[in-house]
Amino acid sequence: MHQQTEMEEGNITKRKESQNGSTGHSMDCQNKEKQPKATVLQKDVGLLSGICLIVGTMIGSGIFISPKSVLLYSGAVGPCLLIWAACGVLATLGALCYAELGTMITKSGGEYSYLSEAFGSLIAYLYSWTTVMVLKPSSFAIITLSFAEYASAPFYPGCTPPLVVTKCLSAAAIFLIVTVNCLSVKLASYVQNFFTAAKLFIILVIVVAGMVMLAQGNTETFSNAFEGTSSSFGAIGLAFYNGLWAYDGWNQLNFITEELKNPFRNLPLAILIGIPLVSVCYVLVNVAYFSVMTSTELLLSPAVAVTFGDRVLHPLSWIIPLFVVFSTFGSANGSCFTAGRLAYVSGREGHMVKILSYISLKRYTPAPALILNGMLAIFYIIPADINTLINYFSFAQWVFYGLTALALIVMRFTRKELHRPVKVPIVIAGLMVVVSCYLVLAPIIDKPELEYLYCTIFIFSGLLLYYPFVHRKVNWARKLMRPITMHLQLLMEVVPPEKSE
């Protein structure tokens, strides 16, 4: 019955595809070697693009905003730098777990596919429900809001840009990025590669400038570096939250495994190159900041990177905000690229409406899933409270990171027959579970807030939809969705993906 419905839904555009094929039959006969592409997502992402996706998504606005938050909660320069380094180690360990999972289960969708294999449909559904509806679009919104703040700042010297300007610019960025990703996977990859190169360039400029300042004797901030260190259990947890927010993106390549060329080689290799590179960049950039600013000055700075540029690169200080705009735009592009794949896989497995699993007939992109992510992100820019969104995002995200690490441990015993080209020590997965529990529970215990309760309620509210629409598959819902799906198919020119052999 499920296959029959899918065939009915795809009937109109499949017929159109057939007509197009017959029109070009004579030309195909002249060049039989050129076979038409299968209507599936294509393997267009190589090793370089994979590294750029990881690096480009991780390095966004976090290194230009989060230094203040990490320093605020850690209390001093010394623990601040240690937390940045520890976050890099933690991200690397987590990514190694994902390298084993991604080469063992070569499906796109990241955590969704792994939770489904280890714990079954329900946990995977709750993950896709929370991530597709809140986590991915809110992350997209946060990054584009940061982009808008930096992009509009030069037009309002000496004051904060009006909120309406920031929000409109953020919405425009979301629209542009979604359009690029709907047009072509290769175009989106080229955009990602260009902006990754740009952000690595500006980080190199900041680091070299900071090293020059240190060589000139600007080391006052590093004396008594541990004086004033916070002793609060929850505050250290919040410092890690904000540091790990800047590192978030280490799992992005797992969302597009099906589009990765030679995933058994390129997935672990991209992880092992990309994440240590980002970790070194982050620590060195923070050292550079402290070479020209005291702790108090850094906390009072509205834009840390811009303040650094004004003090060190004065004639050329304008390049800092320009390249920060590039950096945040590239990060937003990477976030959108991977978010569309999660909604696509979730729709394919029947956990989201079927239209989300359809792909463009001409461009081979998951256009409906990308458009949904963009529409939700525009909705999330309305509140525009970045700090609340970061805490909300981190709380829910680390619940699922912990469950995914637990899934790796569980499948060592329940799925021994699976081939594991990469196999990490099980202790690493155990450590990720413990760290995840700490990052979820510590801030709640130290300072309970309603956001955590709202987040938990939202996650489990997915059960209200799961039972009738996924578990029972009520008939009236399918009848209601069929004409809507067919009209959306005609509007967007999308079809169900062909079954892979």
Protein backbone atom coordinates (compact mmCIF):
# COMPACT_ATOMS: atom_id res chain seq x y z
CA MET A 1 0.00 0.00 0.00
CA HIS A 2 2.87 2.35 0.82
CA GLN A 3 4.53 1.72 -2.57
CA GLN A 4 1.20 2.18 -4.36
CA THR A 5 0.67 5.58 -2.74
CA GLU A 6 4.17 6.66 -3.65
CA MET A 7 3.60 5.61 -7.26
CA GLU A 8 0.37 7.59 -7.40
CA GLU A 9 2.06 10.66 -5.97
CA GLY A 10 4.96 10.47 -8.42
CA ASN A 11 2.78 9.59 -11.42
CA ILE A 12 2.34 13.05 -12.94
CA THR A 13 5.96 14.13 -12.96
CA LYS A 14 7.24 10.66 -13.86
CA ARG A 15 5.03 10.91 -16.98
CA LYS A 16 6.57 14.29 -17.71
CA GLU A 17 10.04 12.81 -17.31
CA SER A 18 9.10 10.06 -19.76
CA GLN A 19 7.96 12.62 -22.34
CA ASN A 20 11.18 14.58 -21.96
CA GLY A 21 13.13 11.39 -22.43
CA SER A 22 11.31 10.46 -25.66
CA THR A 23 11.87 13.95 -27.11
CA GLY A 24 15.61 13.61 -26.77
CA HIS A 25 15.71 9.97 -27.96
CA SER A 26 17.32 10.71 -31.32
CA MET A 27 20.10 12.70 -29.69
CA ASP A 28 20.74 9.92 -27.15
CA CYS A 29 21.07 7.41 -29.98
CA GLN A 30 23.93 9.45 -31.39
CA ASN A 31 25.73 9.38 -28.06
CA LYS A 32 24.82 6.11 -26.36
CA GLU A 33 27.75 6.33 -24.02
CA LYS A 34 26.14 9.28 -22.20
CA GLN A 35 23.66 7.60 -19.91
CA PRO A 36 20.98 9.66 -18.13
CA LYS A 37 21.49 10.14 -14.41
CA ALA A 38 19.36 8.13 -12.04
CA THR A 39 16.83 10.25 -10.14
CA VAL A 40 18.76 10.10 -6.88
CA LEU A 41 21.11 12.41 -5.03
CA GLN A 42 24.45 12.29 -6.86
CA LYS A 43 27.90 11.54 -5.39
CA ASP A 44 29.30 15.01 -6.04
CA VAL A 45 31.21 15.65 -2.79
CA GLY A 46 34.92 14.78 -2.79
CA LEU A 47 37.56 14.88 -0.04
CA LEU A 48 38.37 18.60 -0.41
CA SER A 49 34.69 19.56 -0.37
CA GLY A 50 34.17 17.27 2.63
CA ILE A 51 36.97 18.99 4.58
CA CYS A 52 35.60 22.40 3.58
CA LEU A 53 32.12 21.39 4.73
CA ILE A 54 33.43 20.41 8.17
CA VAL A 55 35.81 23.35 8.57
CA GLY A 56 33.45 25.84 6.95
CA THR A 57 30.47 24.85 9.10
CA MET A 58 32.46 24.74 12.35
CA ILE A 59 34.16 28.10 11.81
CA GLY A 60 31.22 30.47 11.66
CA SER A 61 30.37 33.26 14.04
CA GLY A 62 31.38 31.31 17.17
CA ILE A 63 35.05 32.25 17.25
CA PHE A 64 34.08 35.91 16.82
CA ILE A 65 31.28 35.92 19.45
CA SER A 66 31.73 32.97 21.86
CA PRO A 67 35.12 34.03 23.31
CA LYS A 68 33.16 36.45 25.50
CA SER A 69 30.75 33.77 26.73
CA VAL A 70 33.48 31.20 27.43
CA LEU A 71 35.54 33.80 29.32
CA LEU A 72 32.48 35.04 31.23
CA TYR A 73 31.58 31.59 32.57
CA SER A 74 35.15 30.32 33.09
CA GLY A 75 36.17 33.49 34.96
CA ALA A 76 39.80 33.86 33.82
CA VAL A 77 42.12 33.69 30.79
CA GLY A 78 43.82 30.41 31.76
CA PRO A 79 40.71 28.24 32.14
CA CYS A 80 39.21 29.98 29.10
CA LEU A 81 42.07 28.78 26.87
CA LEU A 82 42.00 25.32 28.47
CA ILE A 83 38.26 25.05 27.77
CA TRP A 84 38.81 25.99 24.12
CA ALA A 85 41.47 23.27 23.82
CA ALA A 86 39.32 20.73 25.72
CA CYS A 87 36.38 21.46 23.42
CA GLY A 88 38.63 20.68 20.45
CA VAL A 89 39.66 17.35 21.98
CA LEU A 90 36.02 16.57 22.76
CA ALA A 91 34.91 17.41 19.23
CA THR A 92 37.67 15.18 17.80
CA LEU A 93 36.71 12.24 20.04
CA GLY A 94 33.05 12.64 19.11
CA ALA A 95 33.91 12.83 15.43
CA LEU A 96 35.97 9.62 15.67
CA CYS A 97 32.87 7.86 16.99
CA TYR A 98 30.94 9.27 14.05
CA ALA A 99 33.67 8.08 11.66
CA GLU A 100 33.03 4.49 12.81
CA LEU A 101 29.26 4.94 12.59
CA GLY A 102 29.43 6.62 9.17
CA THR A 103 31.60 3.93 7.59
CA MET A 104 29.55 1.15 9.23
CA ILE A 105 26.13 2.57 8.22
CA THR A 106 26.60 4.40 4.93
CA LYS A 107 23.27 6.23 4.97
CA SER A 108 22.81 9.98 4.99
CA GLY A 109 21.01 11.67 7.86
CA GLY A 110 23.71 11.57 10.54
CA GLU A 111 22.41 10.62 14.00
CA TYR A 112 18.99 9.75 12.58
CA SER A 113 20.27 6.69 10.71
CA TYR A 114 22.43 5.49 13.64
CA LEU A 115 19.69 5.87 16.25
CA SER A 116 17.29 4.03 13.96
CA GLU A 117 19.67 1.07 13.60
CA ALA A 118 20.49 0.89 17.32
CA PHE A 119 17.25 1.79 19.08
CA GLY A 120 14.52 1.50 16.47
CA SER A 121 11.97 3.81 14.91
CA LEU A 122 10.71 5.76 17.94
CA ILE A 123 14.02 7.29 19.13
CA ALA A 124 15.00 8.09 15.52
CA TYR A 125 11.65 9.79 15.01
CA LEU A 126 12.02 11.93 18.14
CA TYR A 127 15.47 12.98 16.92
CA SER A 128 14.23 13.91 13.44
CA TRP A 129 11.18 15.69 14.90
CA THR A 130 13.32 17.82 17.24
CA THR A 131 16.16 18.45 14.80
CA VAL A 132 14.15 19.16 11.66
CA MET A 133 11.61 21.36 13.45
CA VAL A 134 13.88 23.20 15.94
CA LEU A 135 17.61 22.43 16.10
CA LYS A 136 18.65 22.79 12.45
CA PRO A 137 16.52 25.83 11.57
CA SER A 138 17.34 27.59 14.86
CA SER A 139 21.05 27.01 14.21
CA PHE A 140 20.58 28.38 10.68
CA ALA A 141 18.78 31.41 12.17
CA ILE A 142 21.50 32.07 14.78
CA ILE A 143 24.27 32.03 12.17
CA THR A 144 22.43 34.31 9.72
CA LEU A 145 21.59 36.75 12.54
CA SER A 146 25.31 36.94 13.33
CA PHE A 147 25.98 37.47 9.62
CA ALA A 148 23.41 40.29 9.54
CA GLU A 149 24.87 42.01 12.62
CA TYR A 150 28.36 42.16 11.10
CA ALA A 151 27.14 43.01 7.59
CA SER A 152 25.00 45.94 8.76
CA ALA A 153 27.46 47.32 11.38
CA PRO A 154 29.50 49.50 8.91
CA PHE A 155 26.33 51.38 7.94
CA TYR A 156 25.62 52.35 11.57
CA PRO A 157 28.97 53.58 12.97
CA GLY A 158 28.96 54.14 16.72
CA CYS A 159 25.62 52.47 17.38
CA THR A 160 23.85 49.13 17.14
CA PRO A 161 21.99 48.47 13.86
CA PRO A 162 18.18 48.56 14.19
CA LEU A 163 16.70 45.16 14.94
CA VAL A 164 14.40 45.28 11.92
CA VAL A 165 17.40 45.81 9.60
CA THR A 166 19.25 42.86 11.16
CA LYS A 167 16.24 40.58 10.84
CA CYS A 168 15.48 41.56 7.25
CA LEU A 169 19.10 41.04 6.23
CA SER A 170 19.11 37.67 8.00
CA ALA A 171 15.94 36.64 6.13
CA ALA A 172 17.50 37.74 2.82
CA ALA A 173 20.60 35.63 3.53
CA ILE A 174 18.42 32.60 4.32
CA PHE A 175 16.53 33.06 1.05
CA LEU A 176 19.74 33.36 -0.99
CA ILE A 177 21.41 30.34 0.64
CA VAL A 178 18.34 28.12 0.21
CA THR A 179 18.12 29.17 -3.45
CA VAL A 180 21.79 28.28 -4.08
CA ASN A 181 21.35 24.88 -2.43
CA CYS A 182 18.19 24.15 -4.42
CA LEU A 183 19.88 25.05 -7.71
CA SER A 184 22.87 22.69 -7.55
CA VAL A 185 24.86 20.51 -5.15
CA LYS A 186 28.06 21.43 -6.99
CA LEU A 187 27.28 25.15 -6.79
CA ALA A 188 26.64 24.85 -3.04
CA SER A 189 29.97 22.99 -2.69
CA TYR A 190 31.83 25.68 -4.64
CA VAL A 191 30.28 28.37 -2.42
CA GLN A 192 31.33 26.38 0.66
CA ASN A 193 34.90 25.91 -0.59
CA PHE A 194 35.30 29.63 -1.43
CA PHE A 195 34.04 30.89 1.94
CA THR A 196 36.08 28.28 3.83
CA ALA A 197 39.24 29.56 2.12
CA ALA A 198 38.21 33.13 3.03
CA LYS A 199 37.70 32.35 6.71
CA LEU A 200 41.00 30.44 6.96
CA PHE A 201 42.72 33.48 5.45
CA ILE A 202 41.31 35.90 8.02
CA ILE A 203 42.12 33.52 10.87
CA LEU A 204 45.70 33.36 9.59
CA VAL A 205 45.83 37.18 9.56
CA ILE A 206 44.54 37.37 13.17
CA VAL A 207 46.94 34.65 14.41
CA VAL A 208 50.02 36.16 12.73
CA ALA A 209 49.11 39.64 14.05
CA GLY A 210 48.69 38.16 17.54
CA MET A 211 52.07 36.41 17.37
CA VAL A 212 53.70 39.70 16.39
CA MET A 213 52.07 41.44 19.37
CA LEU A 214 53.30 38.70 21.73
CA ALA A 215 56.80 38.95 20.28
CA GLN A 216 56.71 42.67 21.06
CA GLY A 217 56.08 41.87 24.73
CA ASN A 218 52.28 42.22 25.03
CA THR A 219 51.90 39.41 27.57
CA GLU A 220 50.31 41.27 30.51
CA THR A 221 46.98 39.45 30.18
CA PHE A 222 48.70 36.07 30.58
CA SER A 223 50.23 36.93 33.96
CA ASN A 224 48.07 35.50 36.78
CA ALA A 225 46.04 33.76 34.08
CA PHE A 226 44.10 31.61 36.57
CA GLU A 227 43.18 34.38 38.99
CA GLY A 228 39.38 34.60 39.35
CA THR A 229 38.68 31.12 37.98
CA SER A 230 35.04 30.14 38.43
CA SER A 231 34.40 27.30 40.87
CA SER A 232 30.75 26.82 39.89
CA PHE A 233 29.92 23.37 38.53
CA GLY A 234 27.18 24.75 36.28
CA ALA A 235 29.18 27.79 35.12
CA ILE A 236 31.94 25.56 33.76
CA GLY A 237 29.23 23.54 32.01
CA LEU A 238 27.87 26.74 30.40
CA ALA A 239 31.41 27.71 29.36
CA PHE A 240 31.69 24.33 27.61
CA TYR A 241 28.26 24.89 26.07
CA ASN A 242 29.38 28.11 24.43
CA GLY A 243 32.77 26.70 23.43
CA LEU A 244 31.19 23.60 21.92
CA TRP A 245 28.67 25.80 20.12
CA ALA A 246 31.64 27.31 18.28
CA TYR A 247 32.89 23.77 17.50
CA ASP A 248 29.51 22.48 16.45
CA GLY A 249 29.62 21.09 12.93
CA TRP A 250 32.10 18.25 13.51
CA ASN A 251 29.32 15.77 12.62
CA GLN A 252 28.12 17.53 9.45
CA LEU A 253 29.73 15.20 6.92
CA ASN A 254 27.72 12.26 8.30
CA PHE A 255 24.54 13.93 7.08
CA ILE A 256 25.59 13.56 3.42
CA THR A 257 27.31 10.13 3.43
CA GLU A 258 25.31 8.98 0.38
CA GLU A 259 26.63 11.95 -1.64
CA LEU A 260 30.26 11.46 -0.60
CA LYS A 261 32.70 9.93 -3.06
CA ASN A 262 34.39 6.85 -1.52
CA PRO A 263 32.94 7.43 2.00
CA PHE A 264 35.03 4.62 3.55
CA ARG A 265 38.18 6.65 2.83
CA ASN A 266 37.02 10.25 2.60
CA LEU A 267 34.76 10.40 5.67
CA PRO A 268 37.37 9.50 8.32
CA LEU A 269 40.13 11.35 6.43
CA ALA A 270 38.12 14.58 6.23
CA ILE A 271 37.36 14.32 9.96
CA LEU A 272 41.00 13.70 10.92
CA ILE A 273 42.18 16.68 8.82
CA GLY A 274 39.36 19.13 9.44
CA ILE A 275 38.70 19.04 13.18
CA PRO A 276 42.30 19.27 14.49
CA LEU A 277 42.81 22.16 12.03
CA VAL A 278 39.82 24.01 13.51
CA SER A 279 40.96 23.26 17.09
CA VAL A 280 44.42 24.75 16.49
CA CYS A 281 42.87 27.81 14.79
CA TYR A 282 40.50 28.45 17.71
CA VAL A 283 43.14 28.26 20.44
CA LEU A 284 45.59 30.47 18.50
CA VAL A 285 42.90 33.05 17.69
CA ASN A 286 41.99 33.31 21.38
CA VAL A 287 45.67 33.75 22.29
CA ALA A 288 45.83 36.52 19.67
CA TYR A 289 42.79 38.25 21.21
CA PHE A 290 44.34 38.21 24.68
CA SER A 291 47.58 39.65 23.31
CA VAL A 292 45.85 43.00 22.74
CA MET A 293 42.88 42.93 25.16
CA THR A 294 42.47 42.35 28.89
CA SER A 295 39.68 40.10 30.14
CA THR A 296 37.51 43.11 30.96
CA GLU A 297 38.08 44.73 27.57
CA LEU A 298 37.23 41.49 25.78
CA LEU A 299 33.98 41.12 27.75
CA LEU A 300 32.98 44.75 27.03
CA SER A 301 33.74 44.51 23.30
CA PRO A 302 30.59 44.35 21.15
CA ALA A 303 32.53 42.46 18.45
CA VAL A 304 35.80 40.92 19.64
CA ALA A 305 37.33 40.36 16.21
CA VAL A 306 36.51 43.91 15.08
CA THR A 307 38.04 45.42 18.24
CA PHE A 308 41.17 43.35 17.60
CA GLY A 309 41.34 44.65 14.03
CA ASP A 310 40.92 48.27 15.12
CA ARG A 311 43.87 47.97 17.52
CA VAL A 312 46.28 45.93 15.42
CA LEU A 313 45.41 46.37 11.72
CA HIS A 314 44.25 49.98 11.87
CA PRO A 315 44.67 51.06 8.22
CA LEU A 316 43.25 47.71 7.07
CA SER A 317 40.91 47.04 9.99
CA TRP A 318 37.93 46.96 7.59
CA ILE A 319 38.99 43.52 6.34
CA ILE A 320 38.03 41.90 9.68
CA PRO A 321 34.26 42.60 9.55
CA LEU A 322 34.26 41.85 5.81
CA PHE A 323 35.79 38.41 6.29
CA VAL A 324 33.62 37.73 9.34
CA VAL A 325 30.62 38.29 7.05
CA PHE A 326 32.17 35.78 4.62
CA SER A 327 32.75 33.34 7.48
CA THR A 328 29.21 33.44 8.83
CA PHE A 329 27.71 33.21 5.35
CA GLY A 330 29.78 30.11 4.58
CA SER A 331 28.82 28.52 7.88
CA ALA A 332 25.13 29.18 7.20
CA ASN A 333 25.51 27.59 3.75
CA GLY A 334 27.00 24.43 5.29
CA SER A 335 24.26 24.27 7.91
CA CYS A 336 21.55 24.54 5.25
CA PHE A 337 23.26 21.94 3.03
CA THR A 338 23.22 19.25 5.72
CA ALA A 339 19.84 20.15 7.25
CA GLY A 340 18.11 19.42 3.97
CA ARG A 341 19.55 15.90 3.92
CA LEU A 342 18.16 15.04 7.36
CA ALA A 343 14.63 16.09 6.41
CA TYR A 344 15.05 14.20 3.11
CA VAL A 345 16.08 10.92 4.79
CA SER A 346 13.42 11.29 7.49
CA GLY A 347 10.74 11.76 4.83
CA ARG A 348 12.09 8.77 2.89
CA GLU A 349 11.72 6.58 5.99
CA GLY A 350 8.14 7.75 6.61
CA HIS A 351 8.86 9.91 9.69
CA MET A 352 8.08 13.18 7.90
CA VAL A 353 5.60 14.03 5.14
CA LYS A 354 6.50 12.23 1.93
CA ILE A 355 7.08 15.37 -0.13
CA LEU A 356 10.25 16.07 1.89
CA SER A 357 11.85 12.92 0.44
CA TYR A 358 11.34 14.07 -3.16
CA ILE A 359 14.18 15.48 -5.23
CA SER A 360 14.35 17.93 -8.12
CA LEU A 361 13.87 16.22 -11.46
CA LYS A 362 16.33 18.55 -13.20
CA ARG A 363 18.79 19.54 -10.48
CA TYR A 364 19.01 16.42 -8.26
CA THR A 365 18.67 18.41 -5.02
CA PRO A 366 16.25 17.76 -2.10
CA ALA A 367 14.45 21.06 -2.80
CA PRO A 368 11.33 20.53 -0.60
CA ALA A 369 13.46 19.64 2.45
CA LEU A 370 15.73 22.65 1.89
CA ILE A 371 12.78 25.01 1.50
CA LEU A 372 11.17 23.75 4.73
CA ASN A 373 14.41 24.37 6.63
CA GLY A 374 14.61 27.90 5.23
CA MET A 375 10.99 28.72 6.10
CA LEU A 376 11.43 27.53 9.68
CA ALA A 377 14.71 29.47 10.03
CA ILE A 378 12.94 32.69 8.98
CA PHE A 379 10.33 31.96 11.66
CA TYR A 380 13.09 31.54 14.27
CA ILE A 381 14.74 34.88 13.52
CA ILE A 382 11.67 36.65 14.96
CA PRO A 383 12.73 36.26 18.66
CA ALA A 384 16.39 37.08 17.77
CA ASP A 385 17.70 36.25 21.27
CA ILE A 386 20.94 34.52 20.29
CA ASN A 387 22.10 33.50 23.79
CA THR A 388 18.81 31.83 24.68
CA LEU A 389 18.80 30.01 21.35
CA ILE A 390 22.38 28.78 21.90
CA ASN A 391 21.58 27.31 25.33
CA TYR A 392 18.35 25.80 24.02
CA PHE A 393 20.14 24.35 21.00
CA SER A 394 23.04 22.93 23.02
CA PHE A 395 20.83 21.27 25.63
CA ALA A 396 18.79 19.28 23.10
CA GLN A 397 21.70 18.61 20.75
CA TRP A 398 23.87 17.04 23.44
CA VAL A 399 21.03 14.75 24.49
CA PHE A 400 21.19 13.23 21.02
CA TYR A 401 25.00 13.30 20.81
CA GLY A 402 25.03 11.20 23.99
CA LEU A 403 22.42 8.80 22.62
CA THR A 404 24.41 8.42 19.39
CA ALA A 405 27.59 7.56 21.31
CA LEU A 406 25.52 5.06 23.31
CA ALA A 407 24.23 3.64 20.01
CA LEU A 408 27.83 2.91 18.99
CA ILE A 409 28.34 0.94 22.24
CA VAL A 410 25.03 -0.90 21.86
CA MET A 411 25.75 -1.94 18.27
CA ARG A 412 29.13 -3.38 19.28
CA PHE A 413 27.05 -6.10 21.00
CA THR A 414 23.82 -6.23 18.98
CA ARG A 415 25.19 -5.73 15.43
CA LYS A 416 28.50 -7.58 15.49
CA GLU A 417 28.03 -8.71 11.87
CA LEU A 418 28.32 -5.15 10.48
CA HIS A 419 31.57 -4.33 8.67
CA ARG A 420 33.57 -1.64 10.51
CA PRO A 421 36.32 -0.11 8.33
CA VAL A 422 37.04 2.29 11.22
CA LYS A 423 36.87 0.99 14.79
CA VAL A 424 37.51 3.32 17.73
CA PRO A 425 38.20 2.17 21.31
CA ILE A 426 34.87 1.72 23.08
CA VAL A 427 36.24 3.84 25.95
CA ILE A 428 36.01 6.91 23.70
CA ALA A 429 32.31 6.29 23.10
CA GLY A 430 31.82 5.78 26.85
CA LEU A 431 33.58 9.07 27.54
CA MET A 432 31.30 10.86 25.08
CA VAL A 433 28.24 9.45 26.86
CA VAL A 434 29.54 10.68 30.26
CA VAL A 435 30.46 14.13 28.90
CA SER A 436 27.06 14.43 27.23
CA CYS A 437 25.29 13.61 30.50
CA TYR A 438 27.36 16.26 32.27
CA LEU A 439 26.67 18.93 29.64
CA VAL A 440 22.95 18.19 29.77
CA LEU A 441 22.53 17.92 33.56
CA ALA A 442 25.08 20.34 35.07
CA PRO A 443 23.50 23.64 33.96
CA ILE A 444 20.01 22.37 34.89
CA ILE A 445 21.15 21.39 38.40
CA ASP A 446 23.17 24.57 38.90
CA LYS A 447 20.58 27.00 37.51
CA PRO A 448 17.22 25.51 36.53
CA GLU A 449 15.49 27.50 33.80
CA LEU A 450 12.20 27.08 31.97
CA GLU A 451 13.92 26.76 28.56
CA TYR A 452 15.09 23.25 29.47
CA LEU A 453 11.56 22.22 30.46
CA TYR A 454 10.12 23.67 27.25
CA CYS A 455 12.73 21.80 25.25
CA THR A 456 11.94 18.49 26.95
CA ILE A 457 8.18 19.00 26.48
CA PHE A 458 8.73 19.78 22.81
CA ILE A 459 10.85 16.66 22.24
CA PHE A 460 8.19 14.36 23.72
CA SER A 461 5.31 16.23 22.11
CA GLY A 462 6.40 14.48 18.93
CA LEU A 463 4.78 11.35 20.34
CA LEU A 464 1.36 12.97 19.77
CA LEU A 465 2.07 12.85 16.03
CA TYR A 466 4.07 9.61 16.02
CA TYR A 467 1.32 7.27 17.19
CA PRO A 468 -1.44 8.17 14.69
CA PHE A 469 0.62 9.22 11.65
CA VAL A 470 3.72 7.01 11.80
CA HIS A 471 2.82 3.98 13.91
CA ARG A 472 -0.86 3.57 12.93
CA LYS A 473 -0.65 5.34 9.54
CA VAL A 474 -4.24 6.58 9.73
CA ASN A 475 -5.99 6.47 6.38
CA TRP A 476 -7.56 9.95 6.43
CA ALA A 477 -4.15 11.58 6.76
CA ARG A 478 -2.89 9.80 3.66
CA LYS A 479 -6.00 10.84 1.71
CA LEU A 480 -5.56 14.44 2.86
CA MET A 481 -1.85 14.58 1.94
CA ARG A 482 -2.14 12.92 -1.50
CA PRO A 483 -3.58 15.92 -3.43
CA ILE A 484 -1.35 18.36 -1.51
CA THR A 485 1.71 16.27 -2.40
CA MET A 486 0.75 16.07 -6.08
CA HIS A 487 0.22 19.85 -6.35
CA LEU A 488 3.54 20.53 -4.63
CA GLN A 489 5.20 18.07 -7.03
CA LEU A 490 3.91 20.01 -10.02
CA LEU A 491 4.88 23.34 -8.49
CA MET A 492 8.46 22.34 -7.59
CA GLU A 493 9.04 19.70 -10.31
CA VAL A 494 10.14 17.03 -7.85
CA VAL A 495 9.78 13.25 -7.91
CA PRO A 496 10.32 10.32 -5.51
CA PRO A 497 13.94 9.11 -5.60
CA GLU A 498 14.60 5.89 -7.47
CA LYS A 499 15.15 2.85 -5.27
CA SER A 500 18.85 2.07 -4.90
CA GLU A 501 19.89 -1.46 -5.74
